[in-house]
Amino acid sequence: MARPTLPAFSLFAPPYREYLPFDPDEGFPTNPEVLWGVALVWSLAEGHAPRDLDLVAERPGGLPVMLILPPADSLRRLRSKVLEAVEDTRPQSVLPHHPHPDPEEMAHLLVQEPASLSGELVDYLMWRGMYLDREMRQMVRRIVELSAELKTLTALARGVYLS
């Protein structure tokens, strides 16, 4: 028996064994605790509608997107839509087309640590619309670097040369 093709949108939640249905017309849950550890899987097999792009771009903060590309024979036709989706939604992962991605392989992508946590945080804050000048970006990076070893706000303030 053939497995059904992955729909345009699905949620991937702990324990990461299956894809859960997601209806874009219902929107995202308003309770942030419901989305802890969840990723949005967006399959571009058929391209996307402008409202889909808006939905994903305006998703709740901290909800990663795993974007699955359309089949190679459709990619040339959909190239501009795919590039627009990548630029506007900042997916955590851009994956080659597969009608039935293996949940175990997808789970590995979610648990990998970023190369630079402080750099990822600064990029994320700026993408979400927070203006950070050069000094503030350095401050955020330093705070993240110190966070593992410091236990008090006083020690943190001393570490970033503030009182």
N, C-alpha and C. Protein backbone atom coordinates (compact mmCIF):
# COMPACT_ATOMS: atom_id res chain seq x y z
N MET A 1 0.83 -1.18 0.00
CA MET A 1 0.00 0.00 0.00
C MET A 1 0.88 1.24 0.00
N ALA A 2 0.64 2.16 -0.93
CA ALA A 2 1.43 3.37 -1.04
C ALA A 2 1.04 4.37 0.04
N ARG A 3 2.05 5.03 0.57
CA ARG A 3 1.78 6.06 1.57
C ARG A 3 1.27 7.31 0.87
N PRO A 4 0.39 8.06 1.53
CA PRO A 4 -0.11 9.28 0.90
C PRO A 4 1.00 10.32 0.81
N THR A 5 0.92 11.15 -0.21
CA THR A 5 1.89 12.23 -0.38
C THR A 5 1.70 13.25 0.73
N LEU A 6 2.80 13.83 1.16
CA LEU A 6 2.75 14.84 2.21
C LEU A 6 1.93 16.04 1.73
N PRO A 7 0.99 16.54 2.54
CA PRO A 7 0.21 17.71 2.12
C PRO A 7 1.08 18.96 2.10
N ALA A 8 0.53 20.05 1.59
CA ALA A 8 1.30 21.30 1.53
C ALA A 8 1.79 21.72 2.90
N PHE A 9 0.94 21.59 3.92
CA PHE A 9 1.33 21.96 5.28
C PHE A 9 1.07 20.82 6.23
N SER A 10 2.02 20.60 7.13
CA SER A 10 1.81 19.67 8.23
C SER A 10 2.69 20.12 9.39
N LEU A 11 2.35 19.65 10.56
CA LEU A 11 3.15 19.95 11.74
C LEU A 11 3.95 18.72 12.11
N PHE A 12 5.12 18.95 12.63
CA PHE A 12 6.02 17.88 13.04
C PHE A 12 6.34 18.13 14.51
N ALA A 13 5.79 17.31 15.38
CA ALA A 13 5.87 17.56 16.82
C ALA A 13 6.47 16.36 17.55
N PRO A 14 7.00 16.61 18.75
CA PRO A 14 7.50 15.49 19.54
C PRO A 14 6.43 14.43 19.70
N PRO A 15 6.77 13.20 19.64
CA PRO A 15 8.10 12.57 19.59
C PRO A 15 8.65 12.40 18.18
N TYR A 16 8.18 13.18 17.23
CA TYR A 16 8.71 13.21 15.86
C TYR A 16 8.65 11.85 15.15
N ARG A 17 7.48 11.24 15.19
CA ARG A 17 7.30 9.94 14.51
C ARG A 17 6.37 10.04 13.31
N GLU A 18 5.57 11.13 13.28
CA GLU A 18 4.61 11.27 12.18
C GLU A 18 4.32 12.75 11.94
N TYR A 19 3.77 13.02 10.79
CA TYR A 19 3.38 14.38 10.43
C TYR A 19 1.91 14.57 10.80
N LEU A 20 1.62 15.67 11.47
CA LEU A 20 0.27 15.94 11.93
C LEU A 20 -0.43 16.89 10.97
N PRO A 21 -1.71 16.71 10.75
CA PRO A 21 -2.42 17.61 9.82
C PRO A 21 -2.44 19.05 10.34
N PHE A 22 -2.34 19.98 9.42
CA PHE A 22 -2.43 21.40 9.75
C PHE A 22 -3.29 22.07 8.68
N ASP A 23 -4.34 22.73 9.12
CA ASP A 23 -5.23 23.44 8.21
C ASP A 23 -4.87 24.93 8.26
N PRO A 24 -4.30 25.48 7.20
CA PRO A 24 -3.91 26.88 7.22
C PRO A 24 -5.08 27.84 7.46
N ASP A 25 -6.30 27.41 7.10
CA ASP A 25 -7.46 28.27 7.33
C ASP A 25 -7.76 28.43 8.82
N GLU A 26 -7.35 27.47 9.63
CA GLU A 26 -7.56 27.56 11.07
C GLU A 26 -6.48 28.38 11.75
N GLY A 27 -5.35 28.57 11.08
CA GLY A 27 -4.25 29.34 11.65
C GLY A 27 -3.50 28.56 12.71
N PHE A 28 -2.54 29.23 13.32
CA PHE A 28 -1.72 28.60 14.34
C PHE A 28 -2.39 28.70 15.70
N PRO A 29 -2.11 27.75 16.58
CA PRO A 29 -2.66 27.85 17.94
C PRO A 29 -2.18 29.14 18.61
N THR A 30 -3.03 29.72 19.45
CA THR A 30 -2.65 30.96 20.12
C THR A 30 -1.88 30.72 21.41
N ASN A 31 -1.96 29.52 21.95
CA ASN A 31 -1.23 29.18 23.16
C ASN A 31 0.19 28.75 22.76
N PRO A 32 1.22 29.53 23.15
CA PRO A 32 2.59 29.20 22.71
C PRO A 32 3.08 27.85 23.20
N GLU A 33 2.56 27.36 24.33
CA GLU A 33 3.02 26.07 24.86
C GLU A 33 2.65 24.92 23.93
N VAL A 34 1.60 25.10 23.14
CA VAL A 34 1.18 24.06 22.20
C VAL A 34 2.24 23.89 21.11
N LEU A 35 2.98 24.95 20.80
CA LEU A 35 3.95 24.91 19.71
C LEU A 35 5.38 24.57 20.17
N TRP A 36 5.59 24.32 21.46
CA TRP A 36 6.94 24.00 21.93
C TRP A 36 7.44 22.72 21.25
N GLY A 37 8.58 22.83 20.61
CA GLY A 37 9.19 21.68 19.96
C GLY A 37 8.59 21.33 18.60
N VAL A 38 7.64 22.12 18.13
CA VAL A 38 6.95 21.84 16.88
C VAL A 38 7.63 22.56 15.72
N ALA A 39 7.62 21.94 14.55
CA ALA A 39 8.10 22.56 13.32
C ALA A 39 6.97 22.51 12.29
N LEU A 40 6.95 23.49 11.42
CA LEU A 40 6.00 23.51 10.31
C LEU A 40 6.71 22.95 9.09
N VAL A 41 6.14 21.91 8.51
CA VAL A 41 6.70 21.31 7.29
C VAL A 41 5.86 21.84 6.13
N TRP A 42 6.55 22.49 5.18
CA TRP A 42 5.88 23.12 4.05
C TRP A 42 6.40 22.49 2.77
N SER A 43 5.55 21.72 2.11
CA SER A 43 5.91 21.06 0.86
C SER A 43 5.47 21.93 -0.31
N LEU A 44 6.42 22.29 -1.14
CA LEU A 44 6.13 23.14 -2.30
C LEU A 44 5.94 22.32 -3.57
N ALA A 45 5.47 21.09 -3.42
CA ALA A 45 5.30 20.20 -4.57
C ALA A 45 4.45 20.85 -5.66
N GLU A 46 3.47 21.63 -5.29
CA GLU A 46 2.59 22.28 -6.25
C GLU A 46 2.79 23.80 -6.29
N GLY A 47 3.89 24.28 -5.74
CA GLY A 47 4.09 25.72 -5.64
C GLY A 47 3.36 26.22 -4.41
N HIS A 48 3.01 27.50 -4.40
CA HIS A 48 2.28 28.03 -3.26
C HIS A 48 1.44 29.23 -3.69
N ALA A 49 0.43 29.48 -2.90
CA ALA A 49 -0.43 30.65 -3.12
C ALA A 49 0.13 31.81 -2.30
N PRO A 50 -0.16 33.06 -2.70
CA PRO A 50 0.33 34.21 -1.91
C PRO A 50 -0.09 34.15 -0.44
N ARG A 51 -1.28 33.65 -0.18
CA ARG A 51 -1.72 33.58 1.23
C ARG A 51 -0.89 32.57 2.02
N ASP A 52 -0.40 31.52 1.34
CA ASP A 52 0.47 30.56 2.01
C ASP A 52 1.77 31.23 2.45
N LEU A 53 2.33 32.04 1.57
CA LEU A 53 3.56 32.75 1.87
C LEU A 53 3.36 33.68 3.06
N ASP A 54 2.24 34.39 3.09
CA ASP A 54 1.94 35.29 4.21
C ASP A 54 1.80 34.50 5.51
N LEU A 55 1.11 33.38 5.45
CA LEU A 55 0.90 32.55 6.64
C LEU A 55 2.24 32.13 7.23
N VAL A 56 3.13 31.64 6.40
CA VAL A 56 4.42 31.14 6.89
C VAL A 56 5.31 32.29 7.35
N ALA A 57 5.33 33.39 6.60
CA ALA A 57 6.17 34.52 6.98
C ALA A 57 5.72 35.15 8.30
N GLU A 58 4.45 35.08 8.60
CA GLU A 58 3.92 35.69 9.82
C GLU A 58 3.64 34.67 10.91
N ARG A 59 4.26 33.52 10.83
CA ARG A 59 4.05 32.46 11.84
C ARG A 59 4.54 32.95 13.20
N PRO A 60 4.12 32.27 14.26
CA PRO A 60 4.58 32.65 15.60
C PRO A 60 6.10 32.54 15.71
N GLY A 61 6.68 33.44 16.48
CA GLY A 61 8.12 33.42 16.69
C GLY A 61 8.58 32.09 17.27
N GLY A 62 9.71 31.61 16.81
CA GLY A 62 10.26 30.37 17.33
C GLY A 62 9.76 29.11 16.66
N LEU A 63 8.83 29.24 15.71
CA LEU A 63 8.32 28.05 15.00
C LEU A 63 9.16 27.85 13.74
N PRO A 64 10.05 26.84 13.75
CA PRO A 64 10.89 26.63 12.57
C PRO A 64 10.09 26.07 11.39
N VAL A 65 10.58 26.37 10.20
CA VAL A 65 9.96 25.87 8.97
C VAL A 65 10.95 24.94 8.29
N MET A 66 10.44 23.80 7.87
CA MET A 66 11.22 22.86 7.08
C MET A 66 10.58 22.86 5.70
N LEU A 67 11.23 23.49 4.75
CA LEU A 67 10.67 23.67 3.41
C LEU A 67 11.16 22.55 2.50
N ILE A 68 10.23 21.87 1.85
CA ILE A 68 10.56 20.78 0.94
C ILE A 68 10.33 21.26 -0.49
N LEU A 69 11.37 21.21 -1.30
CA LEU A 69 11.31 21.71 -2.66
C LEU A 69 10.38 20.88 -3.55
N PRO A 70 9.91 21.49 -4.63
CA PRO A 70 9.10 20.72 -5.59
C PRO A 70 9.99 19.74 -6.36
N PRO A 71 9.36 18.80 -7.09
CA PRO A 71 10.16 17.87 -7.91
C PRO A 71 11.02 18.63 -8.92
N ALA A 72 12.13 18.02 -9.30
CA ALA A 72 13.08 18.67 -10.20
C ALA A 72 12.43 19.13 -11.51
N ASP A 73 11.51 18.32 -12.05
CA ASP A 73 10.90 18.69 -13.33
C ASP A 73 9.97 19.91 -13.19
N SER A 74 9.55 20.25 -11.98
CA SER A 74 8.70 21.43 -11.75
C SER A 74 9.50 22.64 -11.28
N LEU A 75 10.72 22.40 -10.87
CA LEU A 75 11.50 23.47 -10.25
C LEU A 75 11.75 24.64 -11.18
N ARG A 76 12.03 24.37 -12.43
CA ARG A 76 12.28 25.47 -13.38
C ARG A 76 11.05 26.37 -13.49
N ARG A 77 9.89 25.78 -13.59
CA ARG A 77 8.64 26.54 -13.72
C ARG A 77 8.33 27.32 -12.44
N LEU A 78 8.65 26.74 -11.29
CA LEU A 78 8.31 27.34 -10.00
C LEU A 78 9.47 28.08 -9.34
N ARG A 79 10.58 28.21 -10.05
CA ARG A 79 11.81 28.76 -9.46
C ARG A 79 11.60 30.09 -8.73
N SER A 80 10.92 31.04 -9.36
CA SER A 80 10.76 32.34 -8.72
C SER A 80 9.90 32.25 -7.46
N LYS A 81 8.87 31.39 -7.47
CA LYS A 81 8.04 31.21 -6.28
C LYS A 81 8.84 30.54 -5.15
N VAL A 82 9.69 29.59 -5.51
CA VAL A 82 10.50 28.90 -4.50
C VAL A 82 11.49 29.89 -3.87
N LEU A 83 12.15 30.67 -4.70
CA LEU A 83 13.11 31.65 -4.17
C LEU A 83 12.41 32.68 -3.30
N GLU A 84 11.23 33.11 -3.70
CA GLU A 84 10.45 34.05 -2.90
C GLU A 84 10.11 33.43 -1.54
N ALA A 85 9.73 32.18 -1.55
CA ALA A 85 9.38 31.50 -0.30
C ALA A 85 10.59 31.42 0.64
N VAL A 86 11.75 31.09 0.09
CA VAL A 86 12.96 30.98 0.91
C VAL A 86 13.34 32.35 1.47
N GLU A 87 13.30 33.38 0.63
CA GLU A 87 13.69 34.72 1.07
C GLU A 87 12.75 35.27 2.13
N ASP A 88 11.46 35.06 1.97
CA ASP A 88 10.48 35.69 2.85
C ASP A 88 10.21 34.93 4.14
N THR A 89 10.53 33.65 4.19
CA THR A 89 10.14 32.85 5.36
C THR A 89 11.32 32.37 6.20
N ARG A 90 12.53 32.48 5.71
CA ARG A 90 13.73 32.05 6.43
C ARG A 90 13.56 30.65 7.04
N PRO A 91 13.41 29.64 6.20
CA PRO A 91 13.24 28.28 6.74
C PRO A 91 14.50 27.80 7.45
N GLN A 92 14.31 26.94 8.41
CA GLN A 92 15.45 26.33 9.10
C GLN A 92 16.14 25.35 8.16
N SER A 93 15.35 24.67 7.34
CA SER A 93 15.88 23.67 6.42
C SER A 93 15.22 23.82 5.06
N VAL A 94 16.01 23.67 4.01
CA VAL A 94 15.49 23.59 2.64
C VAL A 94 15.93 22.22 2.14
N LEU A 95 14.93 21.39 1.85
CA LEU A 95 15.21 19.98 1.56
C LEU A 95 14.80 19.62 0.14
N PRO A 96 15.47 18.65 -0.45
CA PRO A 96 15.06 18.20 -1.78
C PRO A 96 13.69 17.56 -1.73
N HIS A 97 13.06 17.49 -2.88
CA HIS A 97 11.72 16.92 -2.95
C HIS A 97 11.72 15.45 -2.55
N HIS A 98 10.73 15.11 -1.79
CA HIS A 98 10.46 13.71 -1.48
C HIS A 98 8.99 13.64 -1.08
N PRO A 99 8.20 12.76 -1.70
CA PRO A 99 6.78 12.72 -1.37
C PRO A 99 6.51 12.17 0.04
N HIS A 100 7.46 11.40 0.58
CA HIS A 100 7.28 10.78 1.89
C HIS A 100 8.57 10.93 2.71
N PRO A 101 8.91 12.14 3.17
CA PRO A 101 10.16 12.29 3.93
C PRO A 101 10.13 11.45 5.21
N ASP A 102 11.24 10.84 5.51
CA ASP A 102 11.36 9.97 6.67
C ASP A 102 11.36 10.83 7.95
N PRO A 103 10.40 10.61 8.84
CA PRO A 103 10.35 11.41 10.07
C PRO A 103 11.64 11.35 10.90
N GLU A 104 12.28 10.20 10.91
CA GLU A 104 13.52 10.09 11.70
C GLU A 104 14.61 11.00 11.14
N GLU A 105 14.73 11.07 9.82
CA GLU A 105 15.72 11.96 9.21
C GLU A 105 15.37 13.42 9.45
N MET A 106 14.08 13.74 9.38
CA MET A 106 13.64 15.12 9.63
C MET A 106 13.92 15.51 11.08
N ALA A 107 13.75 14.59 12.00
CA ALA A 107 13.99 14.88 13.41
C ALA A 107 15.45 15.24 13.66
N HIS A 108 16.36 14.61 12.94
CA HIS A 108 17.79 14.93 13.09
C HIS A 108 18.07 16.38 12.73
N LEU A 109 17.35 16.92 11.78
CA LEU A 109 17.55 18.31 11.39
C LEU A 109 17.13 19.28 12.49
N LEU A 110 16.14 18.89 13.26
CA LEU A 110 15.65 19.77 14.32
C LEU A 110 16.55 19.80 15.55
N VAL A 111 17.31 18.77 15.78
CA VAL A 111 18.10 18.71 17.00
C VAL A 111 19.54 19.16 16.82
N GLN A 112 19.94 19.51 15.62
CA GLN A 112 21.31 19.98 15.41
C GLN A 112 21.47 21.38 15.98
N GLU A 113 22.58 21.59 16.68
CA GLU A 113 22.87 22.91 17.24
C GLU A 113 23.37 23.83 16.14
N PRO A 114 23.04 25.12 16.23
CA PRO A 114 23.58 26.06 15.25
C PRO A 114 25.08 26.24 15.44
N ALA A 115 25.77 26.60 14.38
CA ALA A 115 27.22 26.81 14.47
C ALA A 115 27.53 27.94 15.45
N SER A 116 26.71 28.98 15.45
CA SER A 116 26.90 30.11 16.34
C SER A 116 25.54 30.51 16.90
N LEU A 117 25.27 30.13 18.14
CA LEU A 117 23.98 30.45 18.75
C LEU A 117 23.78 31.96 18.84
N SER A 118 24.81 32.69 19.23
CA SER A 118 24.67 34.14 19.36
C SER A 118 24.40 34.79 18.00
N GLY A 119 25.08 34.34 16.97
CA GLY A 119 24.84 34.88 15.63
C GLY A 119 23.44 34.56 15.14
N GLU A 120 22.98 33.34 15.40
CA GLU A 120 21.61 32.95 15.01
C GLU A 120 20.58 33.80 15.74
N LEU A 121 20.82 34.07 17.02
CA LEU A 121 19.88 34.89 17.80
C LEU A 121 19.81 36.31 17.25
N VAL A 122 20.97 36.90 16.96
CA VAL A 122 20.99 38.26 16.40
C VAL A 122 20.26 38.29 15.06
N ASP A 123 20.54 37.33 14.20
CA ASP A 123 19.85 37.27 12.89
C ASP A 123 18.35 37.13 13.08
N TYR A 124 17.93 36.29 14.01
CA TYR A 124 16.51 36.07 14.25
C TYR A 124 15.84 37.35 14.75
N LEU A 125 16.45 38.02 15.71
CA LEU A 125 15.87 39.25 16.24
C LEU A 125 15.73 40.32 15.15
N MET A 126 16.73 40.43 14.31
CA MET A 126 16.67 41.42 13.23
C MET A 126 15.60 41.04 12.21
N TRP A 127 15.48 39.74 11.89
CA TRP A 127 14.45 39.30 10.96
C TRP A 127 13.06 39.58 11.51
N ARG A 128 12.91 39.45 12.83
CA ARG A 128 11.61 39.71 13.46
C ARG A 128 11.33 41.20 13.64
N GLY A 129 12.21 42.05 13.13
CA GLY A 129 11.92 43.48 13.10
C GLY A 129 12.57 44.30 14.20
N MET A 130 13.40 43.69 15.02
CA MET A 130 14.07 44.45 16.07
C MET A 130 15.31 45.10 15.48
N TYR A 131 15.41 46.42 15.62
CA TYR A 131 16.58 47.13 15.12
C TYR A 131 17.71 46.96 16.12
N LEU A 132 18.84 46.46 15.66
CA LEU A 132 20.02 46.30 16.50
C LEU A 132 21.21 46.97 15.82
N ASP A 133 21.71 48.04 16.44
CA ASP A 133 22.91 48.65 15.88
C ASP A 133 24.11 47.77 16.21
N ARG A 134 25.28 48.15 15.73
CA ARG A 134 26.46 47.32 15.88
C ARG A 134 26.78 47.03 17.35
N GLU A 135 26.67 48.06 18.18
CA GLU A 135 26.97 47.89 19.60
C GLU A 135 25.99 46.93 20.27
N MET A 136 24.71 47.04 19.92
CA MET A 136 23.71 46.15 20.51
C MET A 136 23.89 44.71 20.03
N ARG A 137 24.26 44.51 18.75
CA ARG A 137 24.53 43.15 18.26
C ARG A 137 25.68 42.52 19.03
N GLN A 138 26.74 43.31 19.28
CA GLN A 138 27.87 42.80 20.06
C GLN A 138 27.44 42.46 21.49
N MET A 139 26.57 43.30 22.06
CA MET A 139 26.09 43.07 23.43
C MET A 139 25.29 41.77 23.50
N VAL A 140 24.39 41.55 22.54
CA VAL A 140 23.59 40.32 22.53
C VAL A 140 24.50 39.11 22.38
N ARG A 141 25.46 39.19 21.48
CA ARG A 141 26.40 38.07 21.30
C ARG A 141 27.16 37.77 22.59
N ARG A 142 27.62 38.82 23.26
CA ARG A 142 28.39 38.63 24.50
C ARG A 142 27.51 38.02 25.60
N ILE A 143 26.27 38.47 25.69
CA ILE A 143 25.36 37.92 26.71
C ILE A 143 25.13 36.43 26.48
N VAL A 144 24.94 36.04 25.23
CA VAL A 144 24.73 34.62 24.93
C VAL A 144 25.99 33.83 25.26
N GLU A 145 27.14 34.36 24.92
CA GLU A 145 28.40 33.66 25.21
C GLU A 145 28.61 33.48 26.71
N LEU A 146 28.24 34.49 27.50
CA LEU A 146 28.44 34.43 28.95
C LEU A 146 27.35 33.63 29.67
N SER A 147 26.22 33.43 29.03
CA SER A 147 25.06 32.85 29.71
C SER A 147 25.31 31.47 30.32
N ALA A 148 26.16 30.69 29.73
CA ALA A 148 26.41 29.33 30.24
C ALA A 148 27.19 29.34 31.54
N GLU A 149 28.02 30.35 31.75
CA GLU A 149 28.89 30.32 32.93
C GLU A 149 28.46 31.27 34.04
N LEU A 150 27.55 32.19 33.79
CA LEU A 150 27.14 33.15 34.81
C LEU A 150 25.81 32.78 35.43
N LYS A 151 25.67 33.09 36.70
CA LYS A 151 24.47 32.69 37.43
C LYS A 151 23.65 33.87 37.95
N THR A 152 24.22 35.08 37.93
CA THR A 152 23.49 36.24 38.46
C THR A 152 23.52 37.39 37.46
N LEU A 153 22.55 38.29 37.60
CA LEU A 153 22.53 39.49 36.75
C LEU A 153 23.73 40.39 37.04
N THR A 154 24.17 40.40 38.28
CA THR A 154 25.34 41.21 38.63
C THR A 154 26.57 40.72 37.87
N ALA A 155 26.74 39.42 37.84
CA ALA A 155 27.88 38.85 37.10
C ALA A 155 27.75 39.12 35.61
N LEU A 156 26.52 39.05 35.09
CA LEU A 156 26.31 39.35 33.68
C LEU A 156 26.64 40.81 33.38
N ALA A 157 26.16 41.72 34.21
CA ALA A 157 26.44 43.14 34.02
C ALA A 157 27.95 43.40 34.04
N ARG A 158 28.64 42.76 34.97
CA ARG A 158 30.09 42.91 35.04
C ARG A 158 30.74 42.36 33.75
N GLY A 159 30.22 41.25 33.24
CA GLY A 159 30.78 40.64 32.04
C GLY A 159 30.61 41.47 30.78
N VAL A 160 29.59 42.34 30.76
CA VAL A 160 29.38 43.21 29.59
C VAL A 160 29.73 44.67 29.93
N TYR A 161 30.41 44.85 31.06
CA TYR A 161 30.94 46.16 31.48
C TYR A 161 29.83 47.19 31.71
N LEU A 162 28.76 46.76 32.37
CA LEU A 162 27.67 47.65 32.75
C LEU A 162 27.48 47.55 34.26
N SER A 163 26.82 48.55 34.81
CA SER A 163 26.52 48.47 36.24
C SER A 163 25.03 48.22 36.44
